[in-house]
C-alpha atoms as a PDB file:
ATOM      1  CA  MET A   1     -13.097 -66.006 -31.044  1.00  0.00           C
ATOM      2  CA  ARG A   2      -9.950 -67.535 -32.479  1.00  0.00           C
ATOM      3  CA  ASP A   3      -7.909 -64.547 -31.281  1.00  0.00           C
ATOM      4  CA  ARG A   4      -9.215 -65.043 -27.744  1.00  0.00           C
ATOM      5  CA  VAL A   5      -8.338 -68.726 -27.845  1.00  0.00           C
ATOM      6  CA  ARG A   6      -4.832 -67.956 -29.201  1.00  0.00           C
ATOM      7  CA  PHE A   7      -4.355 -65.339 -26.489  1.00  0.00           C
ATOM      8  CA  ALA A   8      -5.476 -67.753 -23.799  1.00  0.00           C
ATOM      9  CA  CYS A   9      -3.133 -70.416 -25.135  1.00  0.00           C
ATOM     10  CA  ARG A  10      -0.227 -67.942 -25.172  1.00  0.00           C
ATOM     11  CA  ALA A  11      -0.999 -66.878 -21.607  1.00  0.00           C
ATOM     12  CA  ALA A  12      -1.082 -70.515 -20.509  1.00  0.00           C
ATOM     13  CA  ALA A  13       2.219 -71.217 -22.252  1.00  0.00           C
ATOM     14  CA  VAL A  14       3.798 -68.193 -20.539  1.00  0.00           C
ATOM     15  CA  ALA A  15       2.532 -69.421 -17.158  1.00  0.00           C
ATOM     16  CA  ILE A  16       3.950 -72.883 -17.749  1.00  0.00           C
ATOM     17  CA  ALA A  17       7.297 -71.418 -18.914  1.00  0.00           C
ATOM     18  CA  LEU A  18       7.472 -69.216 -15.833  1.00  0.00           C
ATOM     19  CA  ALA A  19       6.774 -72.177 -13.553  1.00  0.00           C
ATOM     20  CA  ALA A  20       9.424 -74.236 -15.364  1.00  0.00           C
ATOM     21  CA  ALA A  21      11.936 -71.411 -15.024  1.00  0.00           C
ATOM     22  CA  GLY A  22      11.473 -71.337 -11.286  1.00  0.00           C
ATOM     23  CA  GLY A  23       9.172 -68.314 -11.263  1.00  0.00           C
ATOM     24  CA  ALA A  24      11.314 -66.002 -13.379  1.00  0.00           C
ATOM     25  CA  THR A  25       9.776 -62.575 -13.572  1.00  0.00           C
ATOM     26  CA  SER A  26      10.390 -61.648 -17.242  1.00  0.00           C
ATOM     27  CA  VAL A  27       7.360 -62.180 -19.421  1.00  0.00           C
ATOM     28  CA  PRO A  28       7.516 -62.233 -23.201  1.00  0.00           C
ATOM     29  CA  ALA A  29       5.617 -59.300 -24.803  1.00  0.00           C
ATOM     30  CA  VAL A  30       2.234 -60.114 -26.245  1.00  0.00           C
ATOM     31  CA  ALA A  31       0.834 -57.701 -28.814  1.00  0.00           C
ATOM     32  CA  ALA A  32      -2.476 -55.986 -28.023  1.00  0.00           C
ATOM     33  CA  PRO A  33      -5.404 -57.162 -30.104  1.00  0.00           C
ATOM     34  CA  THR A  34      -5.835 -55.147 -33.303  1.00  0.00           C
ATOM     35  CA  GLY A  35      -8.802 -52.899 -33.857  1.00  0.00           C
ATOM     36  CA  ILE A  36      -8.844 -51.487 -30.323  1.00  0.00           C
ATOM     37  CA  THR A  37      -8.323 -47.742 -30.083  1.00  0.00           C
ATOM     38  CA  GLN A  38      -8.244 -45.602 -26.991  1.00  0.00           C
ATOM     39  CA  THR A  39      -9.954 -42.257 -26.792  1.00  0.00           C
ATOM     40  CA  ALA A  40      -8.589 -39.461 -24.582  1.00  0.00           C
ATOM     41  CA  PRO A  41     -10.876 -38.568 -21.692  1.00  0.00           C
ATOM     42  CA  ALA A  42     -12.732 -35.313 -21.829  1.00  0.00           C
ATOM     43  CA  PRO A  43     -11.512 -32.693 -19.319  1.00  0.00           C
ATOM     44  CA  ALA A  44     -13.681 -32.333 -16.232  1.00  0.00           C
ATOM     45  CA  PRO A  45     -16.124 -29.420 -16.301  1.00  0.00           C
ATOM     46  CA  THR A  46     -15.175 -26.506 -14.027  1.00  0.00           C
ATOM     47  CA  GLY A  47     -16.690 -23.364 -12.581  1.00  0.00           C
ATOM     48  CA  LEU A  48     -20.047 -24.844 -11.474  1.00  0.00           C
ATOM     49  CA  THR A  49     -22.394 -22.351  -9.809  1.00  0.00           C
ATOM     50  CA  TYR A  50     -26.155 -22.280  -9.342  1.00  0.00           C
ATOM     51  CA  SER A  51     -29.033 -19.860  -8.951  1.00  0.00           C
ATOM     52  CA  PHE A  52     -32.492 -20.516  -7.542  1.00  0.00           C
ATOM     53  CA  ASP A  53     -35.791 -18.862  -8.529  1.00  0.00           C
ATOM     54  CA  ALA A  54     -38.059 -19.292  -5.455  1.00  0.00           C
ATOM     55  CA  VAL A  55     -41.220 -18.333  -7.379  1.00  0.00           C
ATOM     56  CA  THR A  56     -40.864 -21.054 -10.031  1.00  0.00           C
ATOM     57  CA  GLU A  57     -38.690 -23.361  -7.896  1.00  0.00           C
ATOM     58  CA  GLN A  58     -36.222 -23.617 -10.771  1.00  0.00           C
ATOM     59  CA  VAL A  59     -32.500 -24.172 -10.222  1.00  0.00           C
ATOM     60  CA  THR A  60     -30.097 -23.191 -12.995  1.00  0.00           C
ATOM     61  CA  VAL A  61     -26.635 -24.708 -12.867  1.00  0.00           C
ATOM     62  CA  SER A  62     -23.987 -22.934 -14.949  1.00  0.00           C
ATOM     63  CA  TRP A  63     -20.417 -23.916 -15.781  1.00  0.00           C
ATOM     64  CA  ASP A  64     -17.408 -22.581 -17.618  1.00  0.00           C
ATOM     65  CA  PRO A  65     -17.576 -22.845 -21.413  1.00  0.00           C
ATOM     66  CA  LYS A  66     -15.596 -25.548 -23.167  1.00  0.00           C
ATOM     67  CA  ASP A  67     -12.045 -24.499 -23.958  1.00  0.00           C
ATOM     68  CA  PRO A  68     -11.722 -23.813 -27.715  1.00  0.00           C
ATOM     69  CA  ALA A  69      -8.638 -26.122 -27.787  1.00  0.00           C
ATOM     70  CA  ASP A  70     -10.751 -29.018 -26.385  1.00  0.00           C
ATOM     71  CA  THR A  71     -11.407 -31.355 -29.301  1.00  0.00           C
ATOM     72  CA  VAL A  72     -12.420 -34.284 -27.072  1.00  0.00           C
ATOM     73  CA  THR A  73     -15.617 -33.146 -25.271  1.00  0.00           C
ATOM     74  CA  THR A  74     -18.737 -33.886 -27.318  1.00  0.00           C
ATOM     75  CA  GLY A  75     -21.183 -32.631 -24.686  1.00  0.00           C
ATOM     76  CA  TYR A  76     -22.275 -32.866 -21.059  1.00  0.00           C
ATOM     77  CA  ARG A  77     -24.553 -34.989 -18.902  1.00  0.00           C
ATOM     78  CA  GLU A  78     -26.052 -34.015 -15.587  1.00  0.00           C
ATOM     79  CA  GLY A  79     -25.881 -36.234 -12.579  1.00  0.00           C
ATOM     80  CA  SER A  80     -26.677 -36.407  -8.917  1.00  0.00           C
ATOM     81  CA  CYS A  81     -25.002 -37.919  -5.895  1.00  0.00           C
ATOM     82  CA  SER A  82     -26.368 -39.354  -2.700  1.00  0.00           C
ATOM     83  CA  GLY A  83     -23.795 -37.416  -0.602  1.00  0.00           C
ATOM     84  CA  PRO A  84     -21.581 -34.363  -0.709  1.00  0.00           C
ATOM     85  CA  SER A  85     -18.624 -36.591  -1.654  1.00  0.00           C
ATOM     86  CA  THR A  86     -18.285 -39.897  -3.458  1.00  0.00           C
ATOM     87  CA  ALA A  87     -17.233 -41.395  -0.121  1.00  0.00           C
ATOM     88  CA  ASP A  88     -20.717 -40.573   1.206  1.00  0.00           C
ATOM     89  CA  GLY A  89     -22.489 -42.251  -1.667  1.00  0.00           C
ATOM     90  CA  PRO A  90     -22.309 -42.885  -5.389  1.00  0.00           C
ATOM     91  CA  CYS A  91     -22.929 -40.380  -8.171  1.00  0.00           C
ATOM     92  CA  PHE A  92     -25.210 -41.250 -11.031  1.00  0.00           C
ATOM     93  CA  ALA A  93     -25.173 -39.683 -14.530  1.00  0.00           C
ATOM     94  CA  ARG A  94     -28.167 -39.419 -16.782  1.00  0.00           C
ATOM     95  CA  VAL A  95     -26.907 -41.438 -19.762  1.00  0.00           C
ATOM     96  CA  SER A  96     -30.018 -41.427 -21.935  1.00  0.00           C
ATOM     97  CA  GLY A  97     -31.328 -38.566 -24.011  1.00  0.00           C
ATOM     98  CA  PRO A  98     -29.475 -35.802 -25.774  1.00  0.00           C
ATOM     99  CA  LEU A  99     -26.211 -34.347 -24.552  1.00  0.00           C
ATOM    100  CA  LEU A 100     -26.167 -30.881 -23.025  1.00  0.00           C
ATOM    101  CA  THR A 101     -24.156 -28.645 -25.326  1.00  0.00           C
ATOM    102  CA  GLY A 102     -24.460 -25.220 -23.688  1.00  0.00           C
ATOM    103  CA  THR A 103     -23.176 -23.869 -20.413  1.00  0.00           C
ATOM    104  CA  SER A 104     -26.246 -24.241 -18.216  1.00  0.00           C
ATOM    105  CA  PHE A 105     -28.941 -26.689 -17.157  1.00  0.00           C
ATOM    106  CA  THR A 106     -32.260 -25.916 -15.446  1.00  0.00           C
ATOM    107  CA  PHE A 107     -34.398 -28.251 -13.331  1.00  0.00           C
ATOM    108  CA  HIS A 108     -37.123 -28.117 -10.672  1.00  0.00           C
ATOM    109  CA  GLN A 109     -36.247 -28.368  -7.002  1.00  0.00           C
ATOM    110  CA  ALA A 110     -38.587 -27.495  -4.139  1.00  0.00           C
ATOM    111  CA  ALA A 111     -37.504 -24.898  -1.614  1.00  0.00           C
ATOM    112  CA  GLY A 112     -35.862 -26.223   1.530  1.00  0.00           C
ATOM    113  CA  ARG A 113     -34.146 -29.137  -0.209  1.00  0.00           C
ATOM    114  CA  THR A 114     -30.500 -30.090  -0.736  1.00  0.00           C
ATOM    115  CA  ARG A 115     -29.213 -31.881  -3.821  1.00  0.00           C
ATOM    116  CA  TYR A 116     -25.697 -32.920  -4.718  1.00  0.00           C
ATOM    117  CA  PHE A 117     -25.051 -32.235  -8.404  1.00  0.00           C
ATOM    118  CA  ARG A 118     -22.251 -33.354 -10.656  1.00  0.00           C
ATOM    119  CA  LEU A 119     -21.712 -32.481 -14.315  1.00  0.00           C
ATOM    120  CA  TYR A 120     -20.034 -34.992 -16.599  1.00  0.00           C
ATOM    121  CA  ALA A 121     -18.125 -34.213 -19.819  1.00  0.00           C
ATOM    122  CA  GLU A 122     -18.503 -36.959 -22.448  1.00  0.00           C
ATOM    123  CA  ASN A 123     -16.100 -37.930 -25.208  1.00  0.00           C
ATOM    124  CA  ALA A 124     -16.788 -39.686 -28.508  1.00  0.00           C
ATOM    125  CA  ALA A 125     -16.399 -43.109 -26.880  1.00  0.00           C
ATOM    126  CA  HIS A 126     -19.123 -42.110 -24.314  1.00  0.00           C
ATOM    127  CA  GLN A 127     -16.637 -42.074 -21.436  1.00  0.00           C
ATOM    128  CA  LEU A 128     -17.586 -39.603 -18.682  1.00  0.00           C
ATOM    129  CA  THR A 129     -15.330 -37.319 -16.633  1.00  0.00           C
ATOM    130  CA  GLY A 130     -17.071 -35.776 -13.612  1.00  0.00           C
ATOM    131  CA  SER A 131     -16.788 -32.307 -12.153  1.00  0.00           C
ATOM    132  CA  ALA A 132     -16.416 -31.558  -8.487  1.00  0.00           C
ATOM    133  CA  ILE A 133     -19.689 -32.106  -6.622  1.00  0.00           C
ATOM    134  CA  LEU A 134     -21.837 -28.972  -6.290  1.00  0.00           C
ATOM    135  CA  THR A 135     -24.101 -28.789  -3.227  1.00  0.00           C
ATOM    136  CA  ILE A 136     -27.397 -27.082  -4.147  1.00  0.00           C
ATOM    137  CA  THR A 137     -29.487 -25.905  -1.186  1.00  0.00           C
ATOM    138  CA  THR A 138     -32.747 -24.115  -1.892  1.00  0.00           C
END
Protein backbone atom coordinates (compact mmCIF):
# COMPACT_ATOMS: atom_id res chain seq x y z
CA MET A 1 0.00 0.00 0.00
CA ARG A 2 2.88 2.35 0.78
CA ASP A 3 4.24 1.88 -2.74
CA ARG A 4 0.90 2.90 -4.20
CA VAL A 5 0.77 5.99 -2.02
CA ARG A 6 4.35 6.92 -2.96
CA PHE A 7 3.55 6.40 -6.64
CA ALA A 8 0.42 8.57 -6.35
CA CYS A 9 2.41 11.29 -4.58
CA ARG A 10 5.10 11.19 -7.27
CA ALA A 11 2.45 11.42 -9.99
CA ALA A 12 0.85 14.40 -8.25
CA ALA A 13 4.25 16.10 -7.88
CA VAL A 14 4.94 15.56 -11.59
CA ALA A 15 1.55 17.04 -12.50
CA ILE A 16 2.20 20.09 -10.32
CA ALA A 17 5.70 20.51 -11.77
CA LEU A 18 4.31 20.30 -15.32
CA ALA A 19 1.67 22.91 -14.57
CA ALA A 20 4.28 25.19 -13.00
CA ALA A 21 6.55 24.76 -16.04
CA GLY A 22 3.79 25.95 -18.33
CA GLY A 23 2.78 22.47 -19.50
CA ALA A 24 6.25 21.22 -20.47
CA THR A 25 6.05 17.80 -22.07
CA SER A 26 9.07 16.05 -20.54
CA VAL A 27 8.16 13.80 -17.65
CA PRO A 28 10.72 12.40 -15.23
CA ALA A 29 11.05 8.61 -15.44
CA VAL A 30 9.35 6.63 -12.71
CA ALA A 31 10.55 3.08 -12.14
CA ALA A 32 8.03 0.27 -12.57
CA PRO A 33 6.99 -1.44 -9.35
CA THR A 34 9.21 -4.37 -8.47
CA GLY A 35 7.93 -7.93 -8.51
CA ILE A 36 5.93 -7.56 -11.72
CA THR A 37 6.99 -9.80 -14.58
CA GLN A 38 5.53 -10.04 -18.03
CA THR A 39 4.93 -13.34 -19.78
CA ALA A 40 5.12 -13.63 -23.55
CA PRO A 41 1.77 -14.42 -25.16
CA ALA A 42 1.25 -17.89 -26.57
CA PRO A 43 1.13 -18.04 -30.38
CA ALA A 44 -2.38 -18.31 -31.81
CA PRO A 45 -3.46 -21.83 -32.82
CA THR A 46 -3.56 -22.44 -36.57
CA GLY A 47 -4.91 -24.97 -39.05
CA LEU A 48 -8.39 -25.40 -37.54
CA THR A 49 -10.63 -27.87 -39.40
CA TYR A 50 -13.62 -29.93 -38.36
CA SER A 51 -15.43 -33.16 -39.18
CA PHE A 52 -19.01 -34.13 -38.35
CA ASP A 53 -20.39 -37.60 -37.62
CA ALA A 54 -24.10 -37.39 -38.46
CA VAL A 55 -24.92 -40.68 -36.69
CA THR A 56 -23.57 -39.62 -33.30
CA GLU A 57 -23.90 -35.85 -33.94
CA GLN A 58 -20.31 -35.40 -32.82
CA VAL A 59 -18.09 -32.61 -34.15
CA THR A 60 -14.33 -33.03 -33.94
CA VAL A 61 -12.25 -29.88 -34.30
CA SER A 62 -8.57 -30.44 -35.10
CA TRP A 63 -5.65 -28.00 -35.23
CA ASP A 64 -1.95 -27.94 -36.05
CA PRO A 65 0.30 -29.38 -33.35
CA LYS A 66 2.26 -27.02 -31.14
CA ASP A 67 5.60 -26.00 -32.65
CA PRO A 68 8.43 -27.82 -30.81
CA ALA A 69 10.16 -24.44 -30.34
CA ASP A 70 7.08 -23.03 -28.55
CA THR A 71 7.97 -22.92 -24.86
CA VAL A 72 5.13 -20.54 -23.97
CA THR A 73 1.92 -22.47 -24.71
CA THR A 74 0.79 -24.57 -21.75
CA GLY A 75 -2.41 -25.83 -23.39
CA TYR A 76 -5.61 -24.84 -25.17
CA ARG A 77 -9.14 -23.79 -24.29
CA GLU A 78 -12.16 -24.03 -26.54
CA GLY A 79 -14.52 -21.16 -27.05
CA SER A 80 -17.51 -20.04 -29.03
CA CYS A 81 -18.57 -16.78 -30.59
CA SER A 82 -21.97 -15.30 -31.22
CA GLY A 83 -21.05 -14.32 -34.77
CA PRO A 84 -18.66 -15.25 -37.57
CA SER A 85 -16.40 -12.34 -36.57
CA THR A 86 -15.75 -10.51 -33.33
CA ALA A 87 -17.50 -7.50 -34.87
CA ASP A 88 -20.69 -9.59 -35.01
CA GLY A 89 -20.48 -10.55 -31.36
CA PRO A 90 -18.09 -11.49 -28.59
CA CYS A 91 -16.18 -14.75 -28.26
CA PHE A 92 -16.16 -16.61 -24.97
CA ALA A 93 -13.51 -19.07 -23.78
CA ARG A 94 -14.14 -21.92 -21.36
CA VAL A 95 -11.77 -20.94 -18.57
CA SER A 96 -12.63 -23.61 -16.01
CA GLY A 97 -11.57 -27.22 -16.12
CA PRO A 98 -8.45 -28.82 -17.49
CA LEU A 99 -6.52 -27.49 -20.46
CA LEU A 100 -6.71 -29.30 -23.78
CA THR A 101 -3.25 -30.64 -24.53
CA GLY A 102 -3.75 -32.60 -27.74
CA THR A 103 -4.63 -31.50 -31.26
CA SER A 104 -8.38 -32.14 -31.29
CA PHE A 105 -11.57 -31.54 -29.34
CA THR A 106 -14.92 -33.33 -29.73
CA PHE A 107 -18.37 -32.07 -28.75
CA HIS A 108 -22.05 -32.68 -29.54
CA GLN A 109 -23.86 -30.54 -32.09
CA ALA A 110 -27.21 -31.36 -33.65
CA ALA A 111 -27.50 -31.58 -37.42
CA GLY A 112 -28.65 -28.42 -39.18
CA ARG A 113 -26.92 -26.06 -36.75
CA THR A 114 -24.15 -23.47 -37.11
CA ARG A 115 -21.63 -22.70 -34.40
CA TYR A 116 -18.72 -20.27 -34.43
CA PHE A 117 -15.71 -21.85 -32.74
CA ARG A 118 -12.45 -20.33 -31.58
CA LEU A 119 -9.48 -22.09 -30.01
CA TYR A 120 -7.35 -20.26 -27.47
CA ALA A 121 -3.70 -20.97 -26.60
CA GLU A 122 -2.91 -20.31 -22.94
CA ASN A 123 0.43 -19.34 -21.38
CA ALA A 124 1.66 -19.82 -17.81
CA ALA A 125 0.09 -16.49 -16.76
CA HIS A 126 -3.32 -17.75 -18.04
CA GLN A 127 -3.37 -15.21 -20.87
CA LEU A 128 -5.26 -16.38 -23.94
CA THR A 129 -4.47 -15.89 -27.63
CA GLY A 130 -7.34 -16.77 -29.96
CA SER A 131 -7.27 -18.50 -33.32
CA ALA A 132 -9.23 -17.36 -36.33
CA ILE A 133 -12.95 -18.12 -35.96
CA LEU A 134 -14.00 -21.45 -37.48
CA THR A 135 -17.61 -21.68 -38.75
CA ILE A 136 -19.01 -25.15 -38.05
CA THR A 137 -22.16 -26.04 -39.99
CA THR A 138 -23.68 -29.48 -39.52
